[in-house]
Amino acid sequence: MKLTVVGCSGSFPSADSPCSSYLVEVDGYRVVLDLGNGALGALQKYVSIYDVDAVLLSHLHADHCVDLCAYWVARNYRAEGCPDPMPVYGPAGTAARMARAYDMPENPGMKEVFEFRTLTPGRFDLGPLRIDVAQVNHPVDAFAFRLEHDGRSLVYSGDTGESAELVELARDTDLFLCEAAYLDGRDTYQAVHLNGREAGEHATAAGARRLVLTHIPPWTDAELNRRDAAAAYSGPVDIARPGAVYQV
């Protein structure tokens, strides 16, 4: 599997990065995990947006899903004609939420361009990938994903506070792409986000082989979160950067 970081800024785009979006490619199949503010533009650096096979939305906060509106425009009004409907997996109510975001009637809304499928905890196959889904600890319905192919795996946390379900999902994973939006000692809201130390503790508890910290907002020094994670986790720790590529 090839993972490309399209965008990794938490909560709002930074001067250097769109919000959350990650491209996973395997055997010619392409899936996008989240499509936050500014991500559709950056995605075009790495793949034709008409060659994406599916989108998985971890939850419906704007910094993870709002560029689906722009994607609808790009597909619906394509000069060569609208492509066949593309699967979009998201929490219950995704189709209605995206229609409201674009101020259109819910029916048909975006349903002629996207085939909306509701996420629930469990497992399903998507092209050559096996996808495991776990509900995590966030103020809205939110999910983490484990993608497996040919004995290798990567796990994306989405947005979450402390989560035993995330630890189990990330058990022995080769790459753990984990949010670390909070700064230890500064941000104290519970059941919203992890800080760097907590991301490291989750990676240690899961036995993950590599940790990549993501969703760090522009007002936080990412290096402080990396330091805190490294103090709690003995494996390699990276900070996600737009354009970074990981082979899993």
Protein backbone atom coordinates (compact mmCIF):
# COMPACT_ATOMS: atom_id res chain seq x y z
CA MET A 1 0.00 0.00 0.00
CA LYS A 2 1.10 3.53 -0.77
CA LEU A 3 -0.09 6.29 1.56
CA THR A 4 0.20 9.93 0.45
CA VAL A 5 -0.58 12.73 2.86
CA VAL A 6 -2.75 15.16 0.90
CA GLY A 7 -3.59 17.38 3.86
CA CYS A 8 -2.96 17.07 7.57
CA SER A 9 -3.78 20.38 9.26
CA GLY A 10 -6.15 20.12 12.20
CA SER A 11 -9.39 22.12 12.48
CA PHE A 12 -8.58 24.63 9.72
CA PRO A 13 -6.04 24.78 6.87
CA SER A 14 -2.57 26.07 7.63
CA ALA A 15 -0.54 28.22 5.26
CA ASP A 16 1.18 25.02 4.15
CA SER A 17 -1.46 22.30 4.32
CA PRO A 18 -5.14 21.60 3.65
CA CYS A 19 -7.17 19.88 6.31
CA SER A 20 -7.31 16.10 6.67
CA SER A 21 -7.09 13.99 3.53
CA TYR A 22 -5.04 10.90 2.72
CA LEU A 23 -4.70 8.94 -0.51
CA VAL A 24 -4.18 5.17 -0.33
CA GLU A 25 -3.22 3.29 -3.50
CA VAL A 26 -2.84 -0.45 -3.99
CA ASP A 27 -2.85 -2.50 -7.21
CA GLY A 28 -4.24 0.45 -9.16
CA TYR A 29 -7.10 1.01 -6.71
CA ARG A 30 -7.35 4.46 -5.08
CA VAL A 31 -9.27 5.40 -1.97
CA VAL A 32 -9.31 8.79 -0.25
CA LEU A 33 -9.66 8.97 3.53
CA ASP A 34 -11.40 12.25 4.42
CA LEU A 35 -11.71 15.34 2.25
CA GLY A 36 -11.37 18.42 4.45
CA ASN A 37 -11.03 22.11 3.61
CA GLY A 38 -8.76 22.64 0.60
CA ALA A 39 -8.04 18.96 0.05
CA LEU A 40 -9.56 18.57 -3.41
CA GLY A 41 -7.14 21.07 -4.92
CA ALA A 42 -4.12 19.40 -3.34
CA LEU A 43 -5.37 15.92 -4.28
CA GLN A 44 -4.90 16.81 -7.95
CA LYS A 45 -1.12 16.91 -7.41
CA TYR A 46 -1.13 13.16 -6.83
CA VAL A 47 -3.97 11.65 -8.86
CA SER A 48 -6.66 12.58 -11.34
CA ILE A 49 -9.76 13.23 -9.28
CA TYR A 50 -11.66 11.14 -11.84
CA ASP A 51 -9.46 8.12 -11.08
CA VAL A 52 -10.41 7.87 -7.40
CA ASP A 53 -12.43 4.72 -6.69
CA ALA A 54 -13.97 5.55 -3.30
CA VAL A 55 -14.00 8.07 -0.46
CA LEU A 56 -14.21 7.22 3.24
CA LEU A 57 -15.30 10.01 5.60
CA SER A 58 -14.37 9.47 9.23
CA HIS A 59 -16.96 11.99 10.45
CA LEU A 60 -18.91 15.04 9.37
CA HIS A 61 -16.98 17.95 10.82
CA ALA A 62 -16.10 20.35 8.01
CA ASP A 63 -12.34 19.85 8.29
CA HIS A 64 -12.86 16.22 7.27
CA CYS A 65 -15.66 16.33 4.71
CA VAL A 66 -16.51 19.77 3.31
CA ASP A 67 -14.54 19.43 0.07
CA LEU A 68 -16.98 16.73 -1.00
CA CYS A 69 -19.07 19.73 -2.10
CA ALA A 70 -16.34 20.83 -4.49
CA TYR A 71 -15.90 17.23 -5.61
CA TRP A 72 -19.59 17.10 -6.49
CA VAL A 73 -19.17 20.16 -8.71
CA ALA A 74 -16.08 18.69 -10.40
CA ARG A 75 -17.86 15.44 -11.18
CA ASN A 76 -21.36 16.71 -11.90
CA TYR A 77 -20.30 19.40 -14.36
CA ARG A 78 -17.35 17.59 -15.97
CA ALA A 79 -17.11 18.66 -19.62
CA GLU A 80 -16.89 15.05 -20.78
CA GLY A 81 -19.95 14.11 -18.73
CA CYS A 82 -20.46 13.00 -15.18
CA PRO A 83 -18.67 9.74 -14.32
CA ASP A 84 -20.56 6.82 -12.84
CA PRO A 85 -21.55 7.36 -9.19
CA MET A 86 -18.62 6.88 -6.83
CA PRO A 87 -19.01 5.16 -3.45
CA VAL A 88 -18.78 7.53 -0.47
CA TYR A 89 -18.75 5.86 2.93
CA GLY A 90 -19.68 8.03 5.90
CA PRO A 91 -21.71 8.18 9.09
CA ALA A 92 -25.49 7.97 8.97
CA GLY A 93 -26.90 11.14 7.47
CA THR A 94 -23.92 11.95 5.26
CA ALA A 95 -26.01 12.48 2.10
CA ALA A 96 -28.37 14.87 3.87
CA ARG A 97 -25.55 16.77 5.56
CA MET A 98 -23.66 17.32 2.32
CA ALA A 99 -26.84 18.47 0.55
CA ARG A 100 -27.39 21.04 3.30
CA ALA A 101 -23.79 22.17 3.06
CA TYR A 102 -24.36 22.98 -0.63
CA ASP A 103 -27.85 24.40 0.03
CA MET A 104 -29.62 21.93 -2.25
CA PRO A 105 -32.69 19.76 -1.69
CA GLU A 106 -31.87 16.48 0.02
CA ASN A 107 -33.45 14.61 -2.89
CA PRO A 108 -31.75 14.03 -5.15
CA GLY A 109 -29.03 16.08 -3.46
CA MET A 110 -25.66 14.64 -4.44
CA LYS A 111 -26.99 11.10 -4.83
CA GLU A 112 -26.75 11.10 -8.63
CA VAL A 113 -23.00 11.74 -8.38
CA PHE A 114 -22.09 9.82 -5.22
CA GLU A 115 -23.35 6.47 -4.00
CA PHE A 116 -23.63 7.06 -0.26
CA ARG A 117 -23.03 4.09 2.01
CA THR A 118 -23.45 4.20 5.79
CA LEU A 119 -20.53 3.24 8.00
CA THR A 120 -21.02 0.98 10.99
CA PRO A 121 -18.42 -0.82 13.11
CA GLY A 122 -17.34 -4.00 11.38
CA ARG A 123 -15.55 -5.22 8.27
CA PHE A 124 -16.07 -4.97 4.54
CA ASP A 125 -14.08 -5.39 1.35
CA LEU A 126 -13.30 -2.42 -0.87
CA GLY A 127 -11.52 -3.29 -4.10
CA PRO A 128 -8.36 -5.20 -3.06
CA LEU A 129 -8.53 -3.82 0.49
CA ARG A 130 -10.08 -5.21 3.63
CA ILE A 131 -11.49 -2.39 5.73
CA ASP A 132 -12.15 -2.66 9.46
CA VAL A 133 -14.18 0.15 11.04
CA ALA A 134 -14.33 1.11 14.72
CA GLN A 135 -16.35 3.84 16.38
CA VAL A 136 -14.12 6.22 18.31
CA ASN A 137 -14.47 8.88 21.00
CA HIS A 138 -15.57 12.22 19.52
CA PRO A 139 -18.58 14.51 20.11
CA VAL A 140 -20.21 13.32 16.86
CA ASP A 141 -20.39 9.87 15.24
CA ALA A 142 -16.77 9.26 14.27
CA PHE A 143 -14.91 6.26 12.93
CA ALA A 144 -11.36 4.99 12.61
CA PHE A 145 -10.25 2.76 9.74
CA ARG A 146 -7.87 -0.16 9.40
CA LEU A 147 -6.87 -0.94 5.80
CA GLU A 148 -5.23 -4.29 5.08
CA HIS A 149 -3.70 -5.79 1.96
CA ASP A 150 -1.35 -8.72 1.46
CA GLY A 151 -0.57 -9.08 5.16
CA ARG A 152 0.19 -5.38 5.73
CA SER A 153 -1.95 -2.79 7.46
CA LEU A 154 -2.35 0.89 8.18
CA VAL A 155 -4.72 2.48 10.66
CA TYR A 156 -6.16 5.99 10.52
CA SER A 157 -7.63 7.28 13.77
CA GLY A 158 -9.86 10.02 12.39
CA ASP A 159 -10.68 12.36 15.29
CA THR A 160 -10.88 10.87 18.76
CA GLY A 161 -10.17 11.27 22.43
CA GLU A 162 -8.87 8.33 24.43
CA SER A 163 -10.27 5.15 22.87
CA ALA A 164 -9.85 1.49 23.77
CA GLU A 165 -11.53 0.67 20.44
CA LEU A 166 -8.78 2.53 18.59
CA VAL A 167 -6.09 0.57 20.44
CA GLU A 168 -7.69 -2.71 19.39
CA LEU A 169 -8.11 -1.56 15.81
CA ALA A 170 -4.43 -0.58 15.66
CA ARG A 171 -3.18 -3.84 17.17
CA ASP A 172 0.20 -4.74 15.54
CA THR A 173 -0.41 -2.37 12.62
CA ASP A 174 2.51 -1.49 10.38
CA LEU A 175 1.64 2.22 10.28
CA PHE A 176 -0.54 4.12 12.73
CA LEU A 177 -1.70 7.48 11.37
CA CYS A 178 -2.96 9.01 14.60
CA GLU A 179 -4.38 12.40 15.41
CA ALA A 180 -2.58 14.52 18.01
CA ALA A 181 -4.51 17.77 17.92
CA TYR A 182 -4.01 18.70 21.56
CA LEU A 183 -0.90 19.80 23.40
CA ASP A 184 -0.28 17.97 26.65
CA GLY A 185 -0.77 20.29 29.62
CA ARG A 186 -2.49 23.01 27.60
CA ASP A 187 -5.62 21.43 26.12
CA THR A 188 -7.81 19.69 28.67
CA TYR A 189 -11.18 19.04 27.01
CA GLN A 190 -12.10 15.38 27.36
CA ALA A 191 -13.37 12.97 24.69
CA VAL A 192 -12.52 15.25 21.78
CA HIS A 193 -8.86 14.83 20.70
CA LEU A 194 -5.62 13.13 21.69
CA ASN A 195 -2.42 14.96 22.56
CA GLY A 196 1.04 13.78 21.53
CA ARG A 197 1.63 11.83 24.72
CA GLU A 198 -1.71 10.06 24.42
CA ALA A 199 -1.06 9.21 20.77
CA GLY A 200 2.23 7.63 21.84
CA GLU A 201 0.50 5.71 24.62
CA HIS A 202 -2.12 4.41 22.20
CA ALA A 203 0.61 3.31 19.78
CA THR A 204 2.48 1.53 22.57
CA ALA A 205 -0.63 -0.21 23.85
CA ALA A 206 -1.46 -1.35 20.31
CA GLY A 207 2.05 -2.55 19.50
CA ALA A 208 2.07 -0.39 16.36
CA ARG A 209 5.29 -0.54 14.37
CA ARG A 210 5.35 3.11 13.25
CA LEU A 211 3.51 6.22 14.41
CA VAL A 212 2.69 9.22 12.23
CA LEU A 213 1.11 12.16 14.04
CA THR A 214 -1.49 14.15 12.15
CA HIS A 215 -4.33 16.68 12.56
CA ILE A 216 -2.10 19.13 14.46
CA PRO A 217 -3.65 22.62 14.18
CA PRO A 218 -1.62 25.64 13.05
CA TRP A 219 -1.51 27.13 16.56
CA THR A 220 0.38 24.12 17.95
CA ASP A 221 4.10 23.41 17.59
CA ALA A 222 4.06 19.94 16.03
CA GLU A 223 7.56 19.21 17.29
CA LEU A 224 6.33 19.42 20.89
CA ASN A 225 3.73 16.77 20.13
CA ARG A 226 6.33 14.60 18.42
CA ARG A 227 8.58 14.90 21.49
CA ASP A 228 5.73 13.95 23.82
CA ALA A 229 4.77 10.98 21.65
CA ALA A 230 8.38 9.76 21.48
CA ALA A 231 8.58 9.82 25.28
CA ALA A 232 5.63 7.41 25.44
CA TYR A 233 6.43 5.23 22.42
CA SER A 234 9.76 3.59 21.52
CA GLY A 235 9.15 3.14 17.79
CA PRO A 236 9.70 5.65 14.99
CA VAL A 237 7.55 8.79 15.24
CA ASP A 238 6.95 11.13 12.30
CA ILE A 239 4.92 14.29 11.88
CA ALA A 240 2.61 14.11 8.86
CA ARG A 241 3.57 16.59 6.15
CA PRO A 242 1.63 17.36 2.97
CA GLY A 243 3.10 15.34 0.12
CA ALA A 244 4.80 12.80 2.38
CA VAL A 245 4.63 9.25 1.02
CA TYR A 246 4.74 6.02 3.05
CA GLN A 247 5.06 2.56 1.59
CA VAL A 248 3.32 0.04 3.80
